[in-house]
Amino acid sequence: MQSAIDFEQLVNAIGDAIIISDAAGSITLWNPGAERMFGFTQDEALGKSLDLIIPERLRGRHWDGYHKTMATGETRYGNDVLRVPAVHKDGRSLSIAFTVAFLHSPHNELTGIVAVIRDETSRFQEDRQLRKRLAELEASAGA
């Protein structure tokens, strides 16, 4: 017999960041993985805008998509893994990969979005260095 799942324990135990935001884009859940990844404590993040981790240059585009998604209940991303830049509390850039899912009220109204996020900064930097090295090798081979 399977026992009931303790969802709070699950959310706190997962190594990835789990962030929930409400219909307006305010953070309503910020797990320990999000604290480790982005540097903000739960107290610093809860009730704040997602702008906390979105690079300033991308905020307009993010919010256009977010508000459209909340209004229509549809996203073009579905189960796709999204890869975007983010910002750490100390100002450094991060490369993150995440999936999103909708949260609904008992009356099936869209109430928010949950994102499960993984930090891929080191992998992104390694890929960029490999592409640069490959371009250098191709250039020298063609000379």
C-alpha atoms as a PDB file:
ATOM      1  CA  MET A   1       0.000   0.000   0.000  1.00  0.00           C
ATOM      2  CA  GLN A   2       1.350   3.404  -0.995  1.00  0.00           C
ATOM      3  CA  SER A   3       1.277   6.092   1.667  1.00  0.00           C
ATOM      4  CA  ALA A   4       0.175   9.651   0.972  1.00  0.00           C
ATOM      5  CA  ILE A   5       2.827  11.889  -0.531  1.00  0.00           C
ATOM      6  CA  ASP A   6       4.027  14.771   1.611  1.00  0.00           C
ATOM      7  CA  PHE A   7       4.195  17.430  -1.111  1.00  0.00           C
ATOM      8  CA  GLU A   8       5.953  20.003   1.076  1.00  0.00           C
ATOM      9  CA  GLN A   9       8.702  17.488   1.848  1.00  0.00           C
ATOM     10  CA  LEU A  10       8.946  16.593  -1.850  1.00  0.00           C
ATOM     11  CA  VAL A  11       9.236  20.228  -2.980  1.00  0.00           C
ATOM     12  CA  ASN A  12      11.871  20.931  -0.327  1.00  0.00           C
ATOM     13  CA  ALA A  13      13.895  17.786  -1.117  1.00  0.00           C
ATOM     14  CA  ILE A  14      14.146  18.258  -4.892  1.00  0.00           C
ATOM     15  CA  GLY A  15      17.493  19.675  -6.007  1.00  0.00           C
ATOM     16  CA  ASP A  16      16.028  21.680  -8.876  1.00  0.00           C
ATOM     17  CA  ALA A  17      14.424  25.065  -8.276  1.00  0.00           C
ATOM     18  CA  ILE A  18      10.643  25.000  -8.047  1.00  0.00           C
ATOM     19  CA  ILE A  19       8.929  28.360  -8.345  1.00  0.00           C
ATOM     20  CA  ILE A  20       5.209  29.032  -8.414  1.00  0.00           C
ATOM     21  CA  SER A  21       3.852  32.402  -9.473  1.00  0.00           C
ATOM     22  CA  ASP A  22       0.266  33.608  -9.335  1.00  0.00           C
ATOM     23  CA  ALA A  23      -1.778  35.093 -12.180  1.00  0.00           C
ATOM     24  CA  ALA A  24      -0.096  38.486 -11.702  1.00  0.00           C
ATOM     25  CA  GLY A  25       3.426  37.019 -11.706  1.00  0.00           C
ATOM     26  CA  SER A  26       4.086  37.282  -7.962  1.00  0.00           C
ATOM     27  CA  ILE A  27       6.114  34.465  -6.440  1.00  0.00           C
ATOM     28  CA  THR A  28       4.032  32.248  -4.132  1.00  0.00           C
ATOM     29  CA  LEU A  29       6.418  29.297  -3.725  1.00  0.00           C
ATOM     30  CA  TRP A  30      10.222  29.379  -3.645  1.00  0.00           C
ATOM     31  CA  ASN A  31      11.874  26.108  -2.656  1.00  0.00           C
ATOM     32  CA  PRO A  32      15.402  25.564  -1.226  1.00  0.00           C
ATOM     33  CA  GLY A  33      16.609  24.662  -4.738  1.00  0.00           C
ATOM     34  CA  ALA A  34      15.572  28.145  -5.904  1.00  0.00           C
ATOM     35  CA  GLU A  35      17.421  29.665  -2.942  1.00  0.00           C
ATOM     36  CA  ARG A  36      20.612  27.812  -3.905  1.00  0.00           C
ATOM     37  CA  MET A  37      20.272  28.606  -7.613  1.00  0.00           C
ATOM     38  CA  PHE A  38      19.332  32.293  -7.477  1.00  0.00           C
ATOM     39  CA  GLY A  39      20.721  33.379  -4.071  1.00  0.00           C
ATOM     40  CA  PHE A  40      17.499  34.901  -2.729  1.00  0.00           C
ATOM     41  CA  THR A  41      16.019  33.472   0.454  1.00  0.00           C
ATOM     42  CA  GLN A  42      12.398  32.411   0.563  1.00  0.00           C
ATOM     43  CA  ASP A  43      11.573  35.536   2.598  1.00  0.00           C
ATOM     44  CA  GLU A  44      13.249  37.742  -0.027  1.00  0.00           C
ATOM     45  CA  ALA A  45      11.409  36.085  -2.921  1.00  0.00           C
ATOM     46  CA  LEU A  46       7.870  35.401  -1.711  1.00  0.00           C
ATOM     47  CA  GLY A  47       5.412  38.057  -2.853  1.00  0.00           C
ATOM     48  CA  LYS A  48       7.949  39.596  -5.229  1.00  0.00           C
ATOM     49  CA  SER A  49       7.714  39.773  -9.014  1.00  0.00           C
ATOM     50  CA  LEU A  50       9.483  37.247 -11.222  1.00  0.00           C
ATOM     51  CA  ASP A  51      11.555  40.263 -12.318  1.00  0.00           C
ATOM     52  CA  LEU A  52      13.767  39.178  -9.410  1.00  0.00           C
ATOM     53  CA  ILE A  53      15.424  36.610 -11.717  1.00  0.00           C
ATOM     54  CA  ILE A  54      14.608  37.919 -15.229  1.00  0.00           C
ATOM     55  CA  PRO A  55      17.322  39.968 -16.961  1.00  0.00           C
ATOM     56  CA  GLU A  56      16.075  43.521 -17.442  1.00  0.00           C
ATOM     57  CA  ARG A  57      16.443  43.379 -21.238  1.00  0.00           C
ATOM     58  CA  LEU A  58      14.063  40.378 -21.420  1.00  0.00           C
ATOM     59  CA  ARG A  59      11.340  41.538 -19.044  1.00  0.00           C
ATOM     60  CA  GLY A  60       9.066  43.135 -21.656  1.00  0.00           C
ATOM     61  CA  ARG A  61       9.024  40.009 -23.794  1.00  0.00           C
ATOM     62  CA  HIS A  62       8.554  37.771 -20.747  1.00  0.00           C
ATOM     63  CA  TRP A  63       5.572  39.738 -19.427  1.00  0.00           C
ATOM     64  CA  ASP A  64       3.892  39.962 -22.843  1.00  0.00           C
ATOM     65  CA  GLY A  65       3.981  36.157 -23.038  1.00  0.00           C
ATOM     66  CA  TYR A  66       3.076  35.635 -19.385  1.00  0.00           C
ATOM     67  CA  HIS A  67      -0.025  37.852 -19.496  1.00  0.00           C
ATOM     68  CA  LYS A  68      -1.154  36.337 -22.794  1.00  0.00           C
ATOM     69  CA  THR A  69      -0.751  32.843 -21.323  1.00  0.00           C
ATOM     70  CA  MET A  70      -2.720  33.750 -18.193  1.00  0.00           C
ATOM     71  CA  ALA A  71      -5.495  35.328 -20.293  1.00  0.00           C
ATOM     72  CA  THR A  72      -5.828  32.442 -22.759  1.00  0.00           C
ATOM     73  CA  GLY A  73      -4.778  29.458 -20.652  1.00  0.00           C
ATOM     74  CA  GLU A  74      -2.536  28.392 -23.503  1.00  0.00           C
ATOM     75  CA  THR A  75       1.197  28.311 -24.020  1.00  0.00           C
ATOM     76  CA  ARG A  76       3.061  27.467 -27.181  1.00  0.00           C
ATOM     77  CA  TYR A  77       5.734  25.760 -25.096  1.00  0.00           C
ATOM     78  CA  GLY A  78       3.669  22.856 -23.756  1.00  0.00           C
ATOM     79  CA  ASN A  79       6.096  20.269 -22.407  1.00  0.00           C
ATOM     80  CA  ASP A  80       9.108  21.800 -24.149  1.00  0.00           C
ATOM     81  CA  VAL A  81      12.216  22.552 -22.127  1.00  0.00           C
ATOM     82  CA  LEU A  82      12.820  26.285 -22.288  1.00  0.00           C
ATOM     83  CA  ARG A  83      16.368  27.620 -22.146  1.00  0.00           C
ATOM     84  CA  VAL A  84      16.797  31.266 -21.196  1.00  0.00           C
ATOM     85  CA  PRO A  85      19.139  33.623 -19.362  1.00  0.00           C
ATOM     86  CA  ALA A  86      18.422  34.482 -15.729  1.00  0.00           C
ATOM     87  CA  VAL A  87      20.043  36.602 -13.025  1.00  0.00           C
ATOM     88  CA  HIS A  88      21.501  35.611  -9.647  1.00  0.00           C
ATOM     89  CA  LYS A  89      21.080  37.869  -6.608  1.00  0.00           C
ATOM     90  CA  ASP A  90      24.742  38.909  -6.906  1.00  0.00           C
ATOM     91  CA  GLY A  91      24.137  40.089 -10.498  1.00  0.00           C
ATOM     92  CA  ARG A  92      25.882  37.316 -12.373  1.00  0.00           C
ATOM     93  CA  SER A  93      24.216  35.763 -15.394  1.00  0.00           C
ATOM     94  CA  LEU A  94      22.826  32.242 -15.316  1.00  0.00           C
ATOM     95  CA  SER A  95      21.683  29.951 -18.104  1.00  0.00           C
ATOM     96  CA  ILE A  96      18.620  28.023 -16.994  1.00  0.00           C
ATOM     97  CA  ALA A  97      16.456  25.288 -18.471  1.00  0.00           C
ATOM     98  CA  PHE A  98      12.906  24.777 -17.243  1.00  0.00           C
ATOM     99  CA  THR A  99       9.476  23.343 -17.875  1.00  0.00           C
ATOM    100  CA  VAL A 100       6.205  24.990 -16.916  1.00  0.00           C
ATOM    101  CA  ALA A 101       2.783  23.695 -15.941  1.00  0.00           C
ATOM    102  CA  PHE A 102      -0.496  25.444 -15.207  1.00  0.00           C
ATOM    103  CA  LEU A 103      -2.178  25.464 -11.821  1.00  0.00           C
ATOM    104  CA  HIS A 104      -5.974  25.653 -11.626  1.00  0.00           C
ATOM    105  CA  SER A 105      -8.555  26.416  -8.957  1.00  0.00           C
ATOM    106  CA  PRO A 106     -11.215  23.816  -8.046  1.00  0.00           C
ATOM    107  CA  HIS A 107     -13.425  25.697 -10.549  1.00  0.00           C
ATOM    108  CA  ASN A 108     -10.792  25.128 -13.266  1.00  0.00           C
ATOM    109  CA  GLU A 109      -9.727  28.781 -13.360  1.00  0.00           C
ATOM    110  CA  LEU A 110      -6.057  29.357 -14.216  1.00  0.00           C
ATOM    111  CA  THR A 111      -4.444  30.572 -10.996  1.00  0.00           C
ATOM    112  CA  GLY A 112      -0.729  30.375 -11.655  1.00  0.00           C
ATOM    113  CA  ILE A 113       2.248  28.678 -13.178  1.00  0.00           C
ATOM    114  CA  VAL A 114       4.794  26.307 -11.695  1.00  0.00           C
ATOM    115  CA  ALA A 115       8.294  26.151 -13.150  1.00  0.00           C
ATOM    116  CA  VAL A 116      10.843  23.422 -12.462  1.00  0.00           C
ATOM    117  CA  ILE A 117      14.253  24.927 -13.190  1.00  0.00           C
ATOM    118  CA  ARG A 118      17.763  23.548 -13.622  1.00  0.00           C
ATOM    119  CA  ASP A 119      20.952  25.631 -13.759  1.00  0.00           C
ATOM    120  CA  GLU A 120      22.791  24.857 -17.005  1.00  0.00           C
ATOM    121  CA  THR A 121      25.301  27.700 -16.824  1.00  0.00           C
ATOM    122  CA  SER A 122      28.417  25.495 -16.829  1.00  0.00           C
ATOM    123  CA  ARG A 123      27.091  23.282 -19.636  1.00  0.00           C
ATOM    124  CA  PHE A 124      26.179  26.363 -21.699  1.00  0.00           C
ATOM    125  CA  GLN A 125      29.676  27.821 -21.209  1.00  0.00           C
ATOM    126  CA  GLU A 126      31.317  24.487 -22.138  1.00  0.00           C
ATOM    127  CA  ASP A 127      29.206  24.267 -25.317  1.00  0.00           C
ATOM    128  CA  ARG A 128      30.134  27.832 -26.262  1.00  0.00           C
ATOM    129  CA  GLN A 129      33.862  27.094 -25.748  1.00  0.00           C
ATOM    130  CA  LEU A 130      33.598  23.917 -27.839  1.00  0.00           C
ATOM    131  CA  ARG A 131      31.839  25.791 -30.671  1.00  0.00           C
ATOM    132  CA  LYS A 132      34.518  28.497 -30.563  1.00  0.00           C
ATOM    133  CA  ARG A 133      37.310  25.900 -30.654  1.00  0.00           C
ATOM    134  CA  LEU A 134      35.629  24.058 -33.529  1.00  0.00           C
ATOM    135  CA  ALA A 135      35.336  27.308 -35.506  1.00  0.00           C
ATOM    136  CA  GLU A 136      39.060  28.003 -34.875  1.00  0.00           C
ATOM    137  CA  LEU A 137      40.006  24.499 -36.032  1.00  0.00           C
ATOM    138  CA  GLU A 138      37.852  24.764 -39.154  1.00  0.00           C
ATOM    139  CA  ALA A 139      39.365  28.162 -39.952  1.00  0.00           C
ATOM    140  CA  SER A 140      42.928  26.882 -39.548  1.00  0.00           C
ATOM    141  CA  ALA A 141      42.210  23.739 -41.616  1.00  0.00           C
ATOM    142  CA  GLY A 142      40.826  25.858 -44.442  1.00  0.00           C
ATOM    143  CA  ALA A 143      43.848  28.193 -44.503  1.00  0.00           C
END
